[in-house]
Protein backbone atom coordinates (compact mmCIF):
# COMPACT_ATOMS: atom_id res chain seq x y z
CA MET A 1 -0.20 0.05 0.14
CA SER A 2 1.34 3.21 -0.80
CA ARG A 3 1.71 6.18 1.41
CA VAL A 4 2.04 10.13 0.98
CA GLU A 5 5.59 11.76 2.84
CA PHE A 6 6.46 15.19 3.79
CA ARG A 7 10.34 15.38 4.81
CA ILE A 8 12.80 17.94 6.14
CA PHE A 9 16.56 17.93 7.00
CA GLU A 10 17.96 20.62 8.91
CA GLN A 11 21.04 21.14 11.60
CA ASP A 12 19.12 21.90 14.60
CA SER A 13 15.92 20.57 15.43
CA ALA A 14 16.00 20.42 19.25
CA ALA A 15 12.74 22.93 19.44
CA LEU A 16 10.55 20.97 16.67
CA ARG A 17 11.75 17.66 18.71
CA ARG A 18 10.63 19.35 21.77
CA ARG A 19 7.05 20.06 20.12
CA ILE A 20 6.63 16.80 18.61
CA ASP A 21 7.31 15.15 21.68
CA ALA A 22 5.10 17.42 24.05
CA ARG A 23 2.54 17.06 21.55
CA PHE A 24 2.14 13.11 19.79
CA GLU A 25 2.56 9.69 21.62
CA LEU A 26 5.57 7.94 21.16
CA CYS A 27 5.16 4.66 19.37
CA GLY A 28 8.46 3.58 18.79
CA ARG A 29 12.18 3.96 18.65
CA ASP A 30 15.09 2.34 16.99
CA HIS A 31 18.72 2.75 15.80
CA ARG A 32 20.04 1.17 12.86
CA THR A 33 22.32 1.69 9.61
CA ASP A 34 20.90 1.74 6.80
CA ILE A 35 22.58 1.78 2.90
CA TYR A 36 20.90 3.80 0.41
CA LEU A 37 21.59 2.74 -3.35
CA LEU A 38 20.64 5.66 -5.67
CA ARG A 39 20.96 7.06 -8.74
CA ASP A 40 19.66 10.05 -10.87
CA PRO A 41 16.75 10.95 -10.72
CA GLY A 42 16.03 9.55 -6.83
CA THR A 43 12.64 8.26 -8.35
CA SER A 44 13.46 4.71 -6.38
CA ALA A 45 14.71 4.10 -2.82
CA LEU A 46 16.48 1.07 -2.57
CA LYS A 47 17.73 0.59 1.05
CA LEU A 48 19.85 -2.09 3.09
CA ARG A 49 18.78 -2.46 6.38
CA ASP A 50 21.37 -3.18 8.76
CA GLY A 51 22.93 -5.08 6.07
CA VAL A 52 20.37 -7.96 6.14
CA GLU A 53 17.03 -7.01 4.70
CA LEU A 54 16.92 -5.18 1.05
CA ASP A 55 13.66 -2.60 0.90
CA LEU A 56 12.42 -0.87 -2.55
CA LYS A 57 10.22 1.81 -2.87
CA VAL A 58 9.15 4.01 -5.72
CA LEU A 59 8.18 7.42 -6.27
CA LEU A 60 4.55 7.20 -7.72
CA GLY A 61 3.95 11.11 -7.84
CA ARG A 62 3.13 14.26 -5.62
CA GLU A 63 -0.09 15.39 -3.97
CA GLY A 64 0.09 18.81 -3.19
CA ASP A 65 3.45 19.11 -1.25
CA PHE A 66 3.64 15.76 -0.49
CA GLU A 67 5.37 12.99 -2.32
CA ARG A 68 3.33 9.39 -2.56
CA TRP A 69 5.72 6.20 -2.44
CA ALA A 70 4.46 2.59 -2.86
CA PRO A 71 6.68 -0.28 -1.49
CA ARG A 72 7.75 -2.74 -4.26
CA GLY A 73 9.35 -5.32 -2.06
CA ARG A 74 11.64 -6.77 0.64
CA VAL A 75 14.21 -9.52 0.36
CA ARG A 76 16.54 -11.14 3.44
CA LEU A 77 20.23 -11.34 2.57
CA PRO A 78 22.15 -13.23 1.29
CA ALA A 79 19.68 -14.38 -1.36
CA THR A 80 19.92 -15.73 -4.99
CA GLY A 81 19.65 -13.49 -7.88
CA VAL A 82 16.36 -15.30 -8.63
CA GLU A 83 14.79 -14.49 -4.81
CA ILE A 84 16.16 -10.82 -5.45
CA THR A 85 14.34 -10.26 -8.88
CA GLY A 86 11.25 -12.43 -7.42
CA ALA A 87 10.75 -10.23 -4.41
CA LEU A 88 11.64 -6.82 -5.67
CA ASP A 89 9.21 -5.68 -8.49
CA ALA A 90 10.72 -3.04 -10.24
CA PRO A 91 13.47 -4.73 -12.86
CA GLU A 92 14.17 -1.25 -14.13
CA ALA A 93 15.73 -0.54 -10.77
CA LEU A 94 17.70 -3.68 -10.55
CA PRO A 95 21.32 -4.25 -11.99
CA PRO A 96 21.63 -7.95 -13.45
CA PHE A 97 21.93 -10.62 -11.19
CA GLU A 98 23.48 -14.02 -11.61
CA PRO A 99 20.05 -16.18 -11.00
CA MET A 100 21.80 -18.82 -8.93
CA GLU A 101 24.94 -17.07 -7.10
CA VAL A 102 24.08 -15.74 -3.57
CA HIS A 103 24.59 -12.49 -3.02
CA ASP A 104 25.28 -11.31 0.80
CA ALA A 105 25.32 -7.12 1.57
CA ALA A 106 28.81 -6.35 0.04
CA ALA A 107 28.01 -8.18 -3.24
CA PHE A 108 24.87 -6.68 -3.28
CA VAL A 109 26.02 -3.40 -2.99
CA GLU A 110 28.69 -3.87 -5.21
CA ALA A 111 26.45 -4.49 -8.09
CA PHE A 112 24.77 -1.55 -7.63
CA ARG A 113 28.19 0.28 -7.87
CA ARG A 114 28.86 -1.44 -11.05
CA GLU A 115 25.94 0.01 -12.37
CA GLY A 116 26.56 3.40 -11.61
CA TYR A 117 24.51 4.16 -8.06
CA ARG A 118 25.91 5.93 -5.25
CA ALA A 119 26.03 4.52 -1.74
CA PHE A 120 25.41 6.39 1.18
CA ARG A 121 25.81 4.52 4.82
CA LEU A 122 23.12 6.40 7.39
CA HIS A 123 23.70 5.49 11.17
CA LYS A 124 20.25 6.62 12.57
CA ALA A 125 18.41 7.33 15.75
CA ARG A 126 15.04 7.32 14.85
CA ALA A 127 11.69 7.90 16.60
CA GLN A 128 8.09 7.24 15.71
CA TYR A 129 4.99 9.51 16.97
CA ARG A 130 1.21 8.79 16.29
CA ALA A 131 -0.43 11.62 14.74
CA PRO A 132 -3.66 12.36 12.77
CA GLY A 133 -3.30 10.61 9.87
CA GLY A 134 -0.60 8.76 10.36
CA LEU A 135 3.09 9.21 11.72
CA VAL A 136 5.67 11.69 12.59
CA GLU A 137 8.99 10.93 12.50
CA THR A 138 12.55 12.26 13.72
CA VAL A 139 15.72 10.89 12.99
CA ALA A 140 19.22 11.74 14.06
CA ILE A 141 21.78 10.94 11.34
CA GLU A 142 24.96 10.07 13.67
CA GLY A 143 28.21 10.07 12.77
CA ASP A 144 30.39 10.52 9.62
CA ILE A 145 28.69 9.59 6.50
CA GLY A 146 30.98 11.07 4.25
CA ILE A 147 29.06 14.13 3.08
CA PRO A 148 30.91 17.27 4.04
CA GLY A 149 28.37 19.07 7.01
CA ALA A 150 25.74 16.16 6.75
CA SER A 151 26.94 14.65 10.59
CA GLY A 152 24.39 15.98 13.32
CA ILE A 153 21.62 16.55 10.63
CA ASP A 154 18.31 15.52 11.67
CA SER A 155 15.45 14.55 9.43
CA ILE A 156 11.68 15.25 10.58
CA ALA A 157 9.19 13.40 8.60
CA LEU A 158 5.27 13.12 8.36
CA GLU A 159 4.08 10.04 6.37
CA GLY A 160 0.84 8.16 6.12
CA GLU A 161 -2.60 7.86 3.98
CA ASP A 162 -4.78 11.22 4.90
CA VAL A 163 -2.92 13.88 3.24
CA SER A 164 -5.19 16.44 4.56
CA ALA A 165 -4.54 15.33 8.14
CA LEU A 166 -1.06 15.27 7.64
CA GLU A 167 -1.14 18.63 6.20
CA GLN A 168 -3.05 20.25 9.13
CA VAL A 169 0.08 18.56 11.55
CA ARG A 170 2.56 20.11 8.93
CA GLU A 171 1.16 23.95 9.89
CA GLU A 172 0.65 22.74 13.51
CA LEU A 173 4.56 22.20 13.65
CA GLY A 174 5.39 25.17 11.60
CA LEU A 175 6.60 23.31 8.16
CA SER A 176 4.16 24.98 6.15
CA GLY A 177 6.43 26.90 3.41
CA ARG A 178 9.32 24.37 3.94
CA GLU A 179 10.96 21.92 0.86
CA ASN A 180 9.84 18.47 0.88
CA ARG A 181 13.10 16.72 0.09
CA SER A 182 13.03 12.72 0.20
CA TYR A 183 15.93 10.84 1.18
CA PRO A 184 17.05 9.87 -2.39
CA ALA A 185 16.81 13.88 -3.29
CA TRP A 186 18.65 14.82 -0.18
CA LEU A 187 21.44 12.53 -0.36
CA LEU A 188 21.95 13.01 -4.67
CA ALA A 189 22.08 16.53 -3.79
CA GLN A 190 25.24 15.82 -1.66
CA LYS A 191 28.86 16.10 -2.65
CA LYS A 192 30.87 12.96 -1.93
CA VAL A 193 34.33 13.57 0.21
């Protein structure tokens, strides 16, 4: 099922985080490392979660200031080429894989790099809150991710199904007029070190 998302990135979101924490009910926290495998124009997001699970989403379009993203599959690694292409329903977003060869995380990332994808490793401390229309997510991006000035960046996102309810949450949080930037758009705009 697809969902809409609105996301911002900023250096110091302490005041905004306090407002979110005071207003919404916390429903989850986690720490994880995601590797994003991306290339222009950034209309798909292939994410390797903690080196063991691949997750693919594609951008379907915009609804006002929100973007609509749809999941196109998940697969646990190691996996054969047949398992990977069978689980991820977007062949245009995948490099060729030998059908019976088993791929671990390193081999998977290397296959994408050979096809011109950029790999971005993000260490995330995430918190999710229940909100009208969906969730509010805060993410502290931790450590050196190989992008000048990106350490200490926070991401704040609204995601769910009900655009009008999420639009009200966006206004309440003072995010009206802010630019929506997905992880693919933000990461692809960064310079490598």
